[in-house]
PDB file of N, CA and C in Angstrom:
ATOM      1  N   MET A   1     116.431 103.617  73.437  1.00  0.00           N
ATOM      2  CA  MET A   1     115.551 104.360  74.201  1.00  0.00           C
ATOM      3  C   MET A   1     114.818 103.501  75.300  1.00  0.00           C
ATOM      4  N   VAL A   2     114.586 104.114  76.547  1.00  0.00           N
ATOM      5  CA  VAL A   2     114.013 103.477  77.497  1.00  0.00           C
ATOM      6  C   VAL A   2     112.505 103.503  77.251  1.00  0.00           C
ATOM      7  N   ASP A   3     111.683 102.221  77.444  1.00  0.00           N
ATOM      8  CA  ASP A   3     110.477 102.110  77.455  1.00  0.00           C
ATOM      9  C   ASP A   3     109.840 102.467  78.872  1.00  0.00           C
ATOM     10  N   HIS A   4     109.484 103.977  79.058  1.00  0.00           N
ATOM     11  CA  HIS A   4     108.894 104.136  80.413  1.00  0.00           C
ATOM     12  C   HIS A   4     107.802 103.443  80.712  1.00  0.00           C
ATOM     13  N   LEU A   5     106.779 103.332  79.875  1.00  0.00           N
ATOM     14  CA  LEU A   5     105.549 102.438  80.423  1.00  0.00           C
ATOM     15  C   LEU A   5     105.672 100.879  80.661  1.00  0.00           C
ATOM     16  N   VAL A   6     106.788 100.550  80.028  1.00  0.00           N
ATOM     17  CA  VAL A   6     107.245  99.008  80.390  1.00  0.00           C
ATOM     18  C   VAL A   6     107.799  99.029  81.716  1.00  0.00           C
ATOM     19  N   ARG A   7     108.671  99.846  81.948  1.00  0.00           N
ATOM     20  CA  ARG A   7     109.178  99.981  83.375  1.00  0.00           C
ATOM     21  C   ARG A   7     108.402 100.224  84.439  1.00  0.00           C
ATOM     22  N   ALA A   8     107.320 101.194  84.251  1.00  0.00           N
ATOM     23  CA  ALA A   8     106.234 101.472  85.134  1.00  0.00           C
ATOM     24  C   ALA A   8     105.379 100.181  85.545  1.00  0.00           C
ATOM     25  N   GLY A   9     104.953  99.425  84.284  1.00  0.00           N
ATOM     26  CA  GLY A   9     104.364  98.325  84.709  1.00  0.00           C
ATOM     27  C   GLY A   9     105.151  97.321  85.473  1.00  0.00           C
ATOM     28  N   ALA A  10     106.585  97.202  85.183  1.00  0.00           N
ATOM     29  CA  ALA A  10     107.307  96.335  85.838  1.00  0.00           C
ATOM     30  C   ALA A  10     107.354  96.727  87.298  1.00  0.00           C
ATOM     31  N   MET A  11     107.380  98.092  87.796  1.00  0.00           N
ATOM     32  CA  MET A  11     107.333  98.663  89.023  1.00  0.00           C
ATOM     33  C   MET A  11     106.079  98.410  89.714  1.00  0.00           C
ATOM     34  N   ARG A  12     105.017  98.356  88.955  1.00  0.00           N
ATOM     35  CA  ARG A  12     103.863  98.145  89.637  1.00  0.00           C
ATOM     36  C   ARG A  12     103.637  96.573  89.917  1.00  0.00           C
ATOM     37  N   ASP A  13     104.134  95.753  89.258  1.00  0.00           N
ATOM     38  CA  ASP A  13     104.247  94.146  89.426  1.00  0.00           C
ATOM     39  C   ASP A  13     105.178  94.202  90.669  1.00  0.00           C
ATOM     40  N   ARG A  14     106.176  94.679  90.712  1.00  0.00           N
ATOM     41  CA  ARG A  14     106.938  94.278  91.977  1.00  0.00           C
ATOM     42  C   ARG A  14     106.260  95.044  93.335  1.00  0.00           C
ATOM     43  N   ALA A  15     105.700  96.146  93.144  1.00  0.00           N
ATOM     44  CA  ALA A  15     104.603  96.626  94.344  1.00  0.00           C
ATOM     45  C   ALA A  15     103.574  95.437  94.594  1.00  0.00           C
ATOM     46  N   LYS A  16     103.008  94.844  93.719  1.00  0.00           N
ATOM     47  CA  LYS A  16     102.111  93.856  93.999  1.00  0.00           C
ATOM     48  C   LYS A  16     102.678  92.688  94.883  1.00  0.00           C
ATOM     49  N   ARG A  17     103.665  92.490  94.112  1.00  0.00           N
ATOM     50  CA  ARG A  17     104.644  91.241  95.053  1.00  0.00           C
ATOM     51  C   ARG A  17     104.960  91.543  96.325  1.00  0.00           C
ATOM     52  N   CYS A  18     105.307  92.667  96.605  1.00  0.00           N
ATOM     53  CA  CYS A  18     105.644  93.185  98.028  1.00  0.00           C
ATOM     54  C   CYS A  18     104.597  93.138  98.740  1.00  0.00           C
ATOM     55  N   GLU A  19     103.374  93.893  98.102  1.00  0.00           N
ATOM     56  CA  GLU A  19     102.219  93.463  99.165  1.00  0.00           C
ATOM     57  C   GLU A  19     101.731  92.059  99.427  1.00  0.00           C
ATOM     58  N   ALA A  20     101.749  91.181  98.413  1.00  0.00           N
ATOM     59  CA  ALA A  20     101.458  89.795  98.706  1.00  0.00           C
ATOM     60  C   ALA A  20     102.614  89.272  99.689  1.00  0.00           C
ATOM     61  N   PHE A  21     103.819  89.465  99.582  1.00  0.00           N
ATOM     62  CA  PHE A  21     104.931  89.016 100.661  1.00  0.00           C
ATOM     63  C   PHE A  21     104.470  89.661 102.103  1.00  0.00           C
ATOM     64  N   ALA A  22     103.929  91.000 102.143  1.00  0.00           N
ATOM     65  CA  ALA A  22     103.536  91.704 103.202  1.00  0.00           C
ATOM     66  C   ALA A  22     102.602  90.854 104.026  1.00  0.00           C
ATOM     67  N   SER A  23     101.807  90.330 103.105  1.00  0.00           N
ATOM     68  CA  SER A  23     100.547  89.514 104.000  1.00  0.00           C
ATOM     69  C   SER A  23     100.729  88.167 104.299  1.00  0.00           C
ATOM     70  N   GLN A  24     101.943  87.503 103.628  1.00  0.00           N
ATOM     71  CA  GLN A  24     102.055  86.170 103.755  1.00  0.00           C
ATOM     72  C   GLN A  24     103.099  86.088 105.110  1.00  0.00           C
ATOM     73  N   THR A  25     104.148  86.967 105.363  1.00  0.00           N
ATOM     74  CA  THR A  25     105.150  86.918 106.244  1.00  0.00           C
ATOM     75  C   THR A  25     104.519  86.908 107.668  1.00  0.00           C
ATOM     76  N   LYS A  26     105.075  86.578 108.784  1.00  0.00           N
ATOM     77  CA  LYS A  26     104.636  86.392 110.156  1.00  0.00           C
ATOM     78  C   LYS A  26     105.110  87.291 110.897  1.00  0.00           C
ATOM     79  N   SER A  27     106.287  87.934 110.317  1.00  0.00           N
ATOM     80  CA  SER A  27     106.897  89.141 110.942  1.00  0.00           C
ATOM     81  C   SER A  27     106.372  90.462 110.570  1.00  0.00           C
ATOM     82  N   GLU A  28     105.818  91.206 111.856  1.00  0.00           N
ATOM     83  CA  GLU A  28     105.150  92.682 111.496  1.00  0.00           C
ATOM     84  C   GLU A  28     106.230  93.439 110.954  1.00  0.00           C
ATOM     85  N   LYS A  29     107.539  93.243 111.435  1.00  0.00           N
ATOM     86  CA  LYS A  29     108.451  94.088 110.851  1.00  0.00           C
ATOM     87  C   LYS A  29     108.909  94.059 109.403  1.00  0.00           C
ATOM     88  N   PHE A  30     108.911  92.661 109.098  1.00  0.00           N
ATOM     89  CA  PHE A  30     109.302  92.661 107.574  1.00  0.00           C
ATOM     90  C   PHE A  30     107.833  92.850 106.732  1.00  0.00           C
ATOM     91  N   ALA A  31     106.873  92.629 107.306  1.00  0.00           N
ATOM     92  CA  ALA A  31     105.531  93.140 106.616  1.00  0.00           C
ATOM     93  C   ALA A  31     105.587  94.590 106.246  1.00  0.00           C
ATOM     94  N   ASP A  32     105.920  95.547 107.467  1.00  0.00           N
ATOM     95  CA  ASP A  32     106.040  96.934 107.277  1.00  0.00           C
ATOM     96  C   ASP A  32     107.271  97.278 106.283  1.00  0.00           C
ATOM     97  N   CYS A  33     108.135  96.409 106.094  1.00  0.00           N
ATOM     98  CA  CYS A  33     109.483  96.658 105.178  1.00  0.00           C
ATOM     99  C   CYS A  33     108.681  96.413 103.785  1.00  0.00           C
ATOM    100  N   TYR A  34     108.075  95.351 103.389  1.00  0.00           N
ATOM    101  CA  TYR A  34     107.215  95.055 102.318  1.00  0.00           C
ATOM    102  C   TYR A  34     106.492  96.068 101.705  1.00  0.00           C
ATOM    103  N   ARG A  35     105.639  96.715 102.834  1.00  0.00           N
ATOM    104  CA  ARG A  35     104.647  97.546 102.523  1.00  0.00           C
ATOM    105  C   ARG A  35     105.268  98.879 101.976  1.00  0.00           C
ATOM    106  N   LEU A  36     106.516  99.224 102.779  1.00  0.00           N
ATOM    107  CA  LEU A  36     107.164 100.437 102.220  1.00  0.00           C
ATOM    108  C   LEU A  36     107.596 100.191 100.998  1.00  0.00           C
ATOM    109  N   LEU A  37     108.333  99.011 100.639  1.00  0.00           N
ATOM    110  CA  LEU A  37     108.934  98.861  99.430  1.00  0.00           C
ATOM    111  C   LEU A  37     107.862  98.944  98.202  1.00  0.00           C
ATOM    112  N   SER A  38     106.591  98.560  98.814  1.00  0.00           N
ATOM    113  CA  SER A  38     105.524  98.489  97.714  1.00  0.00           C
ATOM    114  C   SER A  38     105.166 100.076  97.220  1.00  0.00           C
ATOM    115  N   GLN A  39     105.123 100.818  98.418  1.00  0.00           N
ATOM    116  CA  GLN A  39     104.817 102.274  98.054  1.00  0.00           C
ATOM    117  C   GLN A  39     105.924 102.863  97.143  1.00  0.00           C
ATOM    118  N   ASN A  40     107.193 102.634  97.640  1.00  0.00           N
ATOM    119  CA  ASN A  40     108.255 103.273  96.735  1.00  0.00           C
ATOM    120  C   ASN A  40     108.337 102.706  95.464  1.00  0.00           C
ATOM    121  N   TYR A  41     107.748 101.448  95.225  1.00  0.00           N
ATOM    122  CA  TYR A  41     107.695 100.951  93.720  1.00  0.00           C
ATOM    123  C   TYR A  41     106.660 101.672  93.159  1.00  0.00           C
ATOM    124  N   ASN A  42     105.395 102.208  93.851  1.00  0.00           N
ATOM    125  CA  ASN A  42     104.347 102.620  93.243  1.00  0.00           C
ATOM    126  C   ASN A  42     104.874 104.194  92.631  1.00  0.00           C
ATOM    127  N   ILE A  43     105.560 104.661  93.611  1.00  0.00           N
ATOM    128  CA  ILE A  43     106.127 106.008  93.538  1.00  0.00           C
ATOM    129  C   ILE A  43     106.856 106.008  92.176  1.00  0.00           C
ATOM    130  N   LEU A  44     107.912 105.066  92.011  1.00  0.00           N
ATOM    131  CA  LEU A  44     108.827 104.916  90.774  1.00  0.00           C
ATOM    132  C   LEU A  44     107.941 104.743  89.596  1.00  0.00           C
ATOM    133  N   ALA A  45     106.859 103.970  89.714  1.00  0.00           N
ATOM    134  CA  ALA A  45     106.010 103.955  88.525  1.00  0.00           C
ATOM    135  C   ALA A  45     105.538 105.065  88.193  1.00  0.00           C
ATOM    136  N   THR A  46     104.852 105.862  89.254  1.00  0.00           N
ATOM    137  CA  THR A  46     104.309 107.023  88.903  1.00  0.00           C
ATOM    138  C   THR A  46     105.372 108.011  88.179  1.00  0.00           C
ATOM    139  N   VAL A  47     106.656 108.170  88.422  1.00  0.00           N
ATOM    140  CA  VAL A  47     107.509 108.935  87.993  1.00  0.00           C
ATOM    141  C   VAL A  47     107.669 108.706  86.477  1.00  0.00           C
ATOM    142  N   GLU A  48     107.841 107.217  86.234  1.00  0.00           N
ATOM    143  CA  GLU A  48     108.144 106.575  85.092  1.00  0.00           C
ATOM    144  C   GLU A  48     107.153 107.240  84.017  1.00  0.00           C
ATOM    145  N   GLU A  49     105.749 106.804  84.329  1.00  0.00           N
ATOM    146  CA  GLU A  49     104.732 107.395  83.654  1.00  0.00           C
ATOM    147  C   GLU A  49     104.655 108.902  83.608  1.00  0.00           C
ATOM    148  N   GLU A  50     104.895 109.753  84.476  1.00  0.00           N
ATOM    149  CA  GLU A  50     105.031 111.099  84.186  1.00  0.00           C
ATOM    150  C   GLU A  50     106.003 111.641  83.373  1.00  0.00           C
ATOM    151  N   ARG A  51     107.241 110.934  83.096  1.00  0.00           N
ATOM    152  CA  ARG A  51     108.191 111.048  82.373  1.00  0.00           C
ATOM    153  C   ARG A  51     107.821 110.842  81.064  1.00  0.00           C
ATOM    154  N   PHE A  52     107.181 109.753  80.864  1.00  0.00           N
ATOM    155  CA  PHE A  52     106.647 109.184  79.504  1.00  0.00           C
ATOM    156  C   PHE A  52     105.452 110.410  79.003  1.00  0.00           C
ATOM    157  N   ALA A  53     104.812 110.757  79.903  1.00  0.00           N
ATOM    158  CA  ALA A  53     103.920 112.083  79.404  1.00  0.00           C
ATOM    159  C   ALA A  53     104.639 113.067  79.024  1.00  0.00           C
ATOM    160  N   ARG A  54     105.683 113.431  79.666  1.00  0.00           N
ATOM    161  CA  ARG A  54     106.316 114.668  79.415  1.00  0.00           C
ATOM    162  C   ARG A  54     107.135 114.709  77.931  1.00  0.00           C
ATOM    163  N   GLU A  55     107.687 113.465  77.790  1.00  0.00           N
ATOM    164  CA  GLU A  55     108.523 113.013  76.685  1.00  0.00           C
ATOM    165  C   GLU A  55     107.387 113.276  75.267  1.00  0.00           C
ATOM    166  N   MET A  56     106.181 112.501  75.572  1.00  0.00           N
ATOM    167  CA  MET A  56     105.269 112.648  74.755  1.00  0.00           C
ATOM    168  C   MET A  56     104.878 114.138  74.216  1.00  0.00           C
ATOM    169  N   GLU A  57     104.625 114.968  75.056  1.00  0.00           N
ATOM    170  CA  GLU A  57     104.128 116.263  74.971  1.00  0.00           C
ATOM    171  C   GLU A  57     105.297 117.095  74.115  1.00  0.00           C
ATOM    172  N   ARG A  58     106.555 116.907  74.551  1.00  0.00           N
ATOM    173  CA  ARG A  58     107.642 117.631  73.945  1.00  0.00           C
ATOM    174  C   ARG A  58     107.600 117.020  72.481  1.00  0.00           C
ATOM    175  N   ALA A  59     107.603 115.936  72.303  1.00  0.00           N
ATOM    176  CA  ALA A  59     107.516 115.289  70.735  1.00  0.00           C
ATOM    177  C   ALA A  59     106.301 115.816  70.030  1.00  0.00           C
ATOM    178  N   ARG A  60     105.122 115.954  70.668  1.00  0.00           N
ATOM    179  CA  ARG A  60     103.981 116.417  69.969  1.00  0.00           C
ATOM    180  C   ARG A  60     104.277 118.102  69.754  1.00  0.00           C
ATOM    181  N   ALA A  61     105.087 118.870  70.477  1.00  0.00           N
ATOM    182  CA  ALA A  61     105.190 120.188  70.304  1.00  0.00           C
ATOM    183  C   ALA A  61     106.275 120.099  69.290  1.00  0.00           C
ATOM    184  N   ALA A  62     107.309 119.381  69.407  1.00  0.00           N
ATOM    185  CA  ALA A  62     108.307 119.555  68.370  1.00  0.00           C
ATOM    186  C   ALA A  62     107.546 119.188  66.883  1.00  0.00           C
ATOM    187  N   SER A  63     106.825 118.108  66.875  1.00  0.00           N
ATOM    188  CA  SER A  63     106.075 117.753  65.887  1.00  0.00           C
ATOM    189  C   SER A  63     105.259 118.888  65.025  1.00  0.00           C
ATOM    190  N   ALA A  64     104.508 119.366  65.816  1.00  0.00           N
ATOM    191  CA  ALA A  64     103.644 120.681  65.520  1.00  0.00           C
ATOM    192  C   ALA A  64     104.366 121.814  64.994  1.00  0.00           C
ATOM    193  N   ASN A  65     105.390 122.040  65.689  1.00  0.00           N
ATOM    194  CA  ASN A  65     106.423 123.304  65.411  1.00  0.00           C
ATOM    195  C   ASN A  65     107.050 122.765  63.727  1.00  0.00           C
ATOM    196  N   HIS A  66     107.484 121.551  63.678  1.00  0.00           N
ATOM    197  CA  HIS A  66     108.017 121.113  62.427  1.00  0.00           C
ATOM    198  C   HIS A  66     107.184 121.454  61.231  1.00  0.00           C
ATOM    199  N   MET A  67     105.808 120.839  61.669  1.00  0.00           N
ATOM    200  CA  MET A  67     104.715 121.000  60.668  1.00  0.00           C
ATOM    201  C   MET A  67     104.345 122.460  60.354  1.00  0.00           C
ATOM    202  N   ALA A  68     104.354 123.296  61.302  1.00  0.00           N
ATOM    203  CA  ALA A  68     104.213 124.643  61.007  1.00  0.00           C
ATOM    204  C   ALA A  68     105.248 125.287  60.153  1.00  0.00           C
ATOM    205  N   ARG A  69     106.487 124.967  60.473  1.00  0.00           N
ATOM    206  CA  ARG A  69     107.499 125.498  59.562  1.00  0.00           C
ATOM    207  C   ARG A  69     107.523 124.972  58.070  1.00  0.00           C
ATOM    208  N   ALA A  70     107.156 123.713  58.011  1.00  0.00           N
ATOM    209  CA  ALA A  70     107.068 123.018  56.685  1.00  0.00           C
ATOM    210  C   ALA A  70     105.927 123.739  55.993  1.00  0.00           C
ATOM    211  N   ALA A  71     104.871 123.951  56.563  1.00  0.00           N
ATOM    212  CA  ALA A  71     103.840 124.616  55.825  1.00  0.00           C
ATOM    213  C   ALA A  71     104.106 126.020  55.520  1.00  0.00           C
ATOM    214  N   GLY A  72     104.790 126.702  56.605  1.00  0.00           N
ATOM    215  CA  GLY A  72     105.357 128.207  56.156  1.00  0.00           C
ATOM    216  C   GLY A  72     106.152 128.269  54.974  1.00  0.00           C
ATOM    217  N   SER A  73     106.819 127.223  54.885  1.00  0.00           N
ATOM    218  CA  SER A  73     108.025 127.346  53.782  1.00  0.00           C
ATOM    219  C   SER A  73     107.377 127.173  52.265  1.00  0.00           C
ATOM    220  N   ILE A  74     106.102 126.260  52.368  1.00  0.00           N
ATOM    221  CA  ILE A  74     105.358 125.703  51.253  1.00  0.00           C
ATOM    222  C   ILE A  74     104.712 127.159  50.718  1.00  0.00           C
ATOM    223  N   LEU A  75     104.190 127.819  51.705  1.00  0.00           N
ATOM    224  CA  LEU A  75     103.253 128.916  51.330  1.00  0.00           C
ATOM    225  C   LEU A  75     104.014 130.291  50.914  1.00  0.00           C
ATOM    226  N   ARG A  76     105.278 130.135  51.011  1.00  0.00           N
ATOM    227  CA  ARG A  76     106.226 131.243  50.581  1.00  0.00           C
ATOM    228  C   ARG A  76     106.482 131.226  49.258  1.00  0.00           C
TER     229      ARG A  76
END
């Protein structure tokens, strides 16, 4: 299974590195490219975090449903 939070953290680290490269390069065109890459990595990190949140919500709902069915079968 993919660990979405680890992937999001790695994407944020890459975004920070791109920002650092953008500030270090003398070429404005390369700086713009690095800034754009940084933005894209941050977007990808956000997507990973949102996917994790959706999966957690789905798991919570499934668990609650399972518990409700188990409780219902015990009460019968």
